[in-house]
Amino acid sequence: ICGGVISALEMRGAGLPDRMTYAEFTKTFWVLEQGMRRDFQTRQLQDIRSVCRSLLETYIGPEDSQPPKYKVGTSRVFMRKGVLPILRAIVILFRQRSSRLLQRKWRAMKGV
């Protein structure tokens, strides 16, 4: 009904104001998935949905917690205020750690 407008309003009313499509979510947080490649165009929607769900369960907790911190919809992920900053901070930490590891390996290879 109405292109999902009513569903989106219900999610906002339930305290889940932040939302992202599955493609946006995986494009933003793909670095957190172990062994994931950037081949999102070839992935099926069901596969992307399961990747989003597993990332959220790993870093945020189970979907059925009370009150819910996120909900996985048919085309979007709805999140409580504060979940996106947490995920973005985890991505920053992961990238910093990866950068330091790369620098350490480069310096070891160069003999510095």
N, C-alpha and C. Protein backbone atom coordinates (compact mmCIF):
# COMPACT_ATOMS: atom_id res chain seq x y z
N ILE A 1 0.85 -1.18 0.00
CA ILE A 1 0.00 0.00 0.00
C ILE A 1 0.89 1.24 0.00
N CYS A 2 0.65 2.12 -0.92
CA CYS A 2 1.35 3.41 -1.01
C CYS A 2 2.86 3.24 -1.08
N GLY A 3 3.34 2.18 -1.70
CA GLY A 3 4.77 2.00 -1.88
C GLY A 3 5.54 1.81 -0.59
N GLY A 4 4.92 1.30 0.44
CA GLY A 4 5.60 1.04 1.69
C GLY A 4 5.68 2.24 2.63
N VAL A 5 4.95 3.31 2.30
CA VAL A 5 4.99 4.51 3.13
C VAL A 5 4.43 4.23 4.52
N ILE A 6 3.33 3.50 4.56
CA ILE A 6 2.72 3.19 5.85
C ILE A 6 3.64 2.32 6.69
N SER A 7 4.29 1.34 6.05
CA SER A 7 5.23 0.47 6.78
C SER A 7 6.39 1.28 7.33
N ALA A 8 6.91 2.22 6.53
CA ALA A 8 8.02 3.05 6.99
C ALA A 8 7.60 3.92 8.17
N LEU A 9 6.40 4.46 8.11
CA LEU A 9 5.90 5.27 9.22
C LEU A 9 5.70 4.44 10.48
N GLU A 10 5.25 3.20 10.32
CA GLU A 10 5.10 2.31 11.47
C GLU A 10 6.46 2.02 12.11
N MET A 11 7.48 1.81 11.29
CA MET A 11 8.82 1.56 11.82
C MET A 11 9.35 2.78 12.56
N ARG A 12 9.13 3.96 12.00
CA ARG A 12 9.56 5.17 12.69
C ARG A 12 8.81 5.33 14.01
N GLY A 13 7.52 5.03 13.99
CA GLY A 13 6.73 5.11 15.22
C GLY A 13 7.18 4.10 16.27
N ALA A 14 7.74 2.99 15.82
CA ALA A 14 8.24 1.97 16.74
C ALA A 14 9.62 2.32 17.29
N GLY A 15 10.16 3.49 16.90
CA GLY A 15 11.45 3.91 17.43
C GLY A 15 12.62 3.48 16.58
N LEU A 16 12.40 3.23 15.30
CA LEU A 16 13.47 2.81 14.39
C LEU A 16 13.58 3.84 13.26
N PRO A 17 14.14 5.02 13.54
CA PRO A 17 14.13 6.10 12.55
C PRO A 17 15.15 5.97 11.43
N ASP A 18 16.27 5.31 11.67
CA ASP A 18 17.31 5.20 10.65
C ASP A 18 17.01 4.01 9.74
N ARG A 19 17.14 4.23 8.44
CA ARG A 19 16.88 3.14 7.51
C ARG A 19 17.85 3.20 6.34
N MET A 20 18.18 2.03 5.81
CA MET A 20 19.07 1.90 4.66
C MET A 20 18.58 0.74 3.81
N THR A 21 18.74 0.86 2.50
CA THR A 21 18.45 -0.28 1.65
C THR A 21 19.55 -1.32 1.86
N TYR A 22 19.27 -2.53 1.43
CA TYR A 22 20.28 -3.58 1.60
C TYR A 22 21.55 -3.26 0.81
N ALA A 23 21.38 -2.68 -0.38
CA ALA A 23 22.55 -2.33 -1.19
C ALA A 23 23.39 -1.26 -0.50
N GLU A 24 22.74 -0.23 0.06
CA GLU A 24 23.48 0.81 0.79
C GLU A 24 24.20 0.22 1.99
N PHE A 25 23.50 -0.64 2.72
CA PHE A 25 24.06 -1.22 3.94
C PHE A 25 25.30 -2.06 3.63
N THR A 26 25.18 -2.94 2.63
CA THR A 26 26.33 -3.79 2.31
C THR A 26 27.47 -2.98 1.69
N LYS A 27 27.15 -1.94 0.95
CA LYS A 27 28.19 -1.10 0.37
C LYS A 27 28.95 -0.34 1.47
N THR A 28 28.24 0.07 2.51
CA THR A 28 28.86 0.83 3.60
C THR A 28 29.63 -0.07 4.57
N PHE A 29 29.08 -1.24 4.88
CA PHE A 29 29.64 -2.07 5.95
C PHE A 29 30.22 -3.39 5.46
N TRP A 30 30.57 -3.48 4.17
CA TRP A 30 31.09 -4.72 3.63
C TRP A 30 32.41 -5.13 4.27
N VAL A 31 33.18 -4.17 4.77
CA VAL A 31 34.49 -4.51 5.35
C VAL A 31 34.35 -5.34 6.63
N LEU A 32 33.18 -5.31 7.26
CA LEU A 32 32.99 -6.05 8.50
C LEU A 32 32.71 -7.53 8.26
N GLU A 33 32.31 -7.88 7.06
CA GLU A 33 32.00 -9.27 6.75
C GLU A 33 33.29 -10.00 6.40
N GLN A 34 33.55 -11.09 7.07
CA GLN A 34 34.76 -11.87 6.83
C GLN A 34 34.69 -12.54 5.47
N GLY A 35 35.68 -12.32 4.64
CA GLY A 35 35.77 -12.97 3.35
C GLY A 35 34.80 -12.46 2.30
N MET A 36 34.16 -11.33 2.55
CA MET A 36 33.18 -10.83 1.59
C MET A 36 33.87 -10.02 0.51
N ARG A 37 33.48 -10.27 -0.73
CA ARG A 37 34.02 -9.51 -1.86
C ARG A 37 33.00 -8.47 -2.27
N ARG A 38 33.45 -7.50 -3.05
CA ARG A 38 32.55 -6.42 -3.47
C ARG A 38 31.84 -6.79 -4.78
N ASP A 39 31.09 -7.87 -4.75
CA ASP A 39 30.37 -8.28 -5.95
C ASP A 39 28.86 -8.26 -5.68
N PHE A 40 28.38 -7.12 -5.23
CA PHE A 40 26.99 -7.01 -4.81
C PHE A 40 26.01 -7.07 -5.97
N GLN A 41 26.43 -6.69 -7.17
CA GLN A 41 25.51 -6.71 -8.30
C GLN A 41 25.11 -8.15 -8.65
N THR A 42 25.98 -9.10 -8.43
CA THR A 42 25.67 -10.48 -8.78
C THR A 42 24.96 -11.22 -7.65
N ARG A 43 24.92 -10.65 -6.48
CA ARG A 43 24.26 -11.32 -5.36
C ARG A 43 22.75 -11.18 -5.46
N GLN A 44 22.06 -12.19 -5.00
CA GLN A 44 20.61 -12.16 -4.96
C GLN A 44 20.16 -11.37 -3.72
N LEU A 45 18.94 -10.83 -3.77
CA LEU A 45 18.43 -10.05 -2.65
C LEU A 45 18.40 -10.87 -1.36
N GLN A 46 18.02 -12.14 -1.45
CA GLN A 46 17.96 -12.99 -0.26
C GLN A 46 19.34 -13.15 0.36
N ASP A 47 20.37 -13.27 -0.46
CA ASP A 47 21.73 -13.40 0.03
C ASP A 47 22.19 -12.11 0.71
N ILE A 48 21.89 -10.97 0.09
CA ILE A 48 22.25 -9.67 0.68
C ILE A 48 21.51 -9.47 2.00
N ARG A 49 20.26 -9.87 2.05
CA ARG A 49 19.48 -9.75 3.28
C ARG A 49 20.09 -10.60 4.40
N SER A 50 20.54 -11.80 4.07
CA SER A 50 21.15 -12.66 5.09
C SER A 50 22.49 -12.10 5.54
N VAL A 51 23.24 -11.47 4.63
CA VAL A 51 24.51 -10.83 5.01
C VAL A 51 24.24 -9.68 5.98
N CYS A 52 23.24 -8.85 5.66
CA CYS A 52 22.89 -7.73 6.55
C CYS A 52 22.47 -8.23 7.92
N ARG A 53 21.64 -9.26 7.93
CA ARG A 53 21.17 -9.81 9.20
C ARG A 53 22.33 -10.37 10.02
N SER A 54 23.26 -11.08 9.37
CA SER A 54 24.38 -11.67 10.12
C SER A 54 25.32 -10.58 10.66
N LEU A 55 25.55 -9.51 9.87
CA LEU A 55 26.38 -8.41 10.36
C LEU A 55 25.75 -7.75 11.58
N LEU A 56 24.45 -7.48 11.50
CA LEU A 56 23.77 -6.85 12.62
C LEU A 56 23.75 -7.75 13.85
N GLU A 57 23.53 -9.04 13.66
CA GLU A 57 23.55 -9.96 14.80
C GLU A 57 24.93 -10.04 15.43
N THR A 58 25.97 -9.99 14.61
CA THR A 58 27.33 -10.09 15.12
C THR A 58 27.71 -8.86 15.93
N TYR A 59 27.44 -7.67 15.41
CA TYR A 59 27.93 -6.44 16.02
C TYR A 59 26.92 -5.72 16.90
N ILE A 60 25.62 -5.96 16.72
CA ILE A 60 24.60 -5.25 17.50
C ILE A 60 23.87 -6.19 18.45
N GLY A 61 23.60 -7.40 18.03
CA GLY A 61 22.89 -8.36 18.86
C GLY A 61 21.71 -8.95 18.11
N PRO A 62 20.95 -9.83 18.78
CA PRO A 62 19.82 -10.47 18.10
C PRO A 62 18.71 -9.48 17.75
N GLU A 63 18.00 -9.80 16.68
CA GLU A 63 16.92 -8.91 16.19
C GLU A 63 15.75 -8.87 17.16
N ASP A 64 15.51 -9.94 17.89
CA ASP A 64 14.33 -10.01 18.75
C ASP A 64 14.58 -9.49 20.17
N SER A 65 15.63 -8.69 20.37
CA SER A 65 15.88 -8.13 21.69
C SER A 65 14.80 -7.10 22.02
N GLN A 66 14.61 -6.84 23.28
CA GLN A 66 13.60 -5.87 23.70
C GLN A 66 14.25 -4.70 24.38
N PRO A 67 14.05 -3.48 23.97
CA PRO A 67 13.37 -3.07 22.75
C PRO A 67 14.24 -3.38 21.54
N PRO A 68 13.65 -3.61 20.37
CA PRO A 68 14.44 -3.99 19.20
C PRO A 68 15.39 -2.87 18.77
N LYS A 69 16.63 -3.24 18.50
CA LYS A 69 17.61 -2.26 18.04
C LYS A 69 17.58 -2.12 16.53
N TYR A 70 17.02 -3.12 15.83
CA TYR A 70 16.89 -3.07 14.37
C TYR A 70 15.83 -4.06 13.94
N LYS A 71 15.33 -3.85 12.75
CA LYS A 71 14.40 -4.77 12.11
C LYS A 71 14.81 -4.90 10.65
N VAL A 72 14.74 -6.11 10.14
CA VAL A 72 15.06 -6.37 8.75
C VAL A 72 13.75 -6.47 7.99
N GLY A 73 13.52 -5.51 7.08
CA GLY A 73 12.29 -5.47 6.31
C GLY A 73 12.45 -6.18 4.98
N THR A 74 11.48 -5.96 4.08
CA THR A 74 11.53 -6.62 2.79
C THR A 74 12.55 -5.99 1.86
N SER A 75 12.77 -4.67 1.99
CA SER A 75 13.73 -4.01 1.10
C SER A 75 14.71 -3.11 1.84
N ARG A 76 14.51 -2.94 3.14
CA ARG A 76 15.37 -2.04 3.92
C ARG A 76 15.66 -2.62 5.30
N VAL A 77 16.71 -2.07 5.90
CA VAL A 77 17.05 -2.36 7.29
C VAL A 77 16.68 -1.12 8.09
N PHE A 78 15.88 -1.29 9.12
CA PHE A 78 15.47 -0.20 9.99
C PHE A 78 16.23 -0.32 11.31
N MET A 79 16.82 0.79 11.78
CA MET A 79 17.66 0.74 12.97
C MET A 79 17.27 1.83 13.97
N ARG A 80 17.43 1.50 15.23
CA ARG A 80 17.20 2.46 16.30
C ARG A 80 18.30 3.52 16.25
N LYS A 81 17.99 4.69 16.75
CA LYS A 81 18.97 5.77 16.80
C LYS A 81 20.17 5.30 17.62
N GLY A 82 21.36 5.48 17.06
CA GLY A 82 22.58 5.08 17.75
C GLY A 82 23.24 3.85 17.15
N VAL A 83 22.50 3.05 16.38
CA VAL A 83 23.08 1.84 15.79
C VAL A 83 24.04 2.19 14.66
N LEU A 84 23.66 3.12 13.79
CA LEU A 84 24.54 3.52 12.68
C LEU A 84 25.87 4.09 13.17
N PRO A 85 25.88 5.00 14.16
CA PRO A 85 27.18 5.48 14.65
C PRO A 85 28.06 4.37 15.22
N ILE A 86 27.46 3.39 15.87
CA ILE A 86 28.23 2.27 16.40
C ILE A 86 28.87 1.48 15.26
N LEU A 87 28.08 1.17 14.24
CA LEU A 87 28.61 0.42 13.10
C LEU A 87 29.69 1.20 12.37
N ARG A 88 29.48 2.50 12.20
CA ARG A 88 30.49 3.33 11.52
C ARG A 88 31.78 3.40 12.34
N ALA A 89 31.67 3.46 13.67
CA ALA A 89 32.86 3.46 14.52
C ALA A 89 33.62 2.14 14.40
N ILE A 90 32.88 1.03 14.31
CA ILE A 90 33.52 -0.27 14.15
C ILE A 90 34.26 -0.33 12.82
N VAL A 91 33.67 0.22 11.76
CA VAL A 91 34.33 0.25 10.45
C VAL A 91 35.61 1.06 10.52
N ILE A 92 35.57 2.22 11.20
CA ILE A 92 36.77 3.05 11.34
C ILE A 92 37.86 2.29 12.09
N LEU A 93 37.50 1.63 13.18
CA LEU A 93 38.49 0.85 13.93
C LEU A 93 39.08 -0.27 13.07
N PHE A 94 38.23 -0.94 12.31
CA PHE A 94 38.70 -2.03 11.46
C PHE A 94 39.66 -1.50 10.40
N ARG A 95 39.35 -0.36 9.79
CA ARG A 95 40.23 0.21 8.77
C ARG A 95 41.54 0.69 9.37
N GLN A 96 41.50 1.28 10.56
CA GLN A 96 42.74 1.70 11.21
C GLN A 96 43.62 0.51 11.51
N ARG A 97 43.01 -0.55 12.01
CA ARG A 97 43.77 -1.76 12.32
C ARG A 97 44.39 -2.35 11.06
N SER A 98 43.62 -2.39 9.99
CA SER A 98 44.12 -2.91 8.72
C SER A 98 45.25 -2.05 8.17
N SER A 99 45.12 -0.73 8.31
CA SER A 99 46.17 0.19 7.84
C SER A 99 47.47 -0.02 8.61
N ARG A 100 47.34 -0.16 9.92
CA ARG A 100 48.54 -0.39 10.73
C ARG A 100 49.21 -1.71 10.38
N LEU A 101 48.41 -2.73 10.16
CA LEU A 101 48.96 -4.03 9.78
C LEU A 101 49.68 -3.94 8.44
N LEU A 102 49.08 -3.25 7.48
CA LEU A 102 49.70 -3.07 6.18
C LEU A 102 51.00 -2.28 6.29
N GLN A 103 51.00 -1.21 7.09
CA GLN A 103 52.23 -0.43 7.29
C GLN A 103 53.32 -1.27 7.93
N ARG A 104 52.96 -2.07 8.91
CA ARG A 104 53.94 -2.91 9.60
C ARG A 104 54.56 -3.91 8.62
N LYS A 105 53.72 -4.55 7.80
CA LYS A 105 54.22 -5.52 6.83
C LYS A 105 55.09 -4.83 5.78
N TRP A 106 54.69 -3.63 5.34
CA TRP A 106 55.48 -2.89 4.35
C TRP A 106 56.85 -2.52 4.91
N ARG A 107 56.87 -2.03 6.15
CA ARG A 107 58.14 -1.66 6.77
C ARG A 107 59.03 -2.87 6.98
N ALA A 108 58.44 -3.99 7.32
CA ALA A 108 59.22 -5.21 7.50
C ALA A 108 59.81 -5.67 6.16
N MET A 109 59.03 -5.53 5.11
CA MET A 109 59.50 -5.92 3.79
C MET A 109 60.62 -5.00 3.31
N LYS A 110 60.51 -3.69 3.60
CA LYS A 110 61.51 -2.72 3.18
C LYS A 110 62.73 -2.71 4.11
N GLY A 111 62.58 -3.30 5.28
CA GLY A 111 63.69 -3.35 6.22
C GLY A 111 63.89 -2.06 6.99
N VAL A 112 62.82 -1.31 7.18
CA VAL A 112 62.91 -0.03 7.89
C VAL A 112 62.76 -0.24 9.37
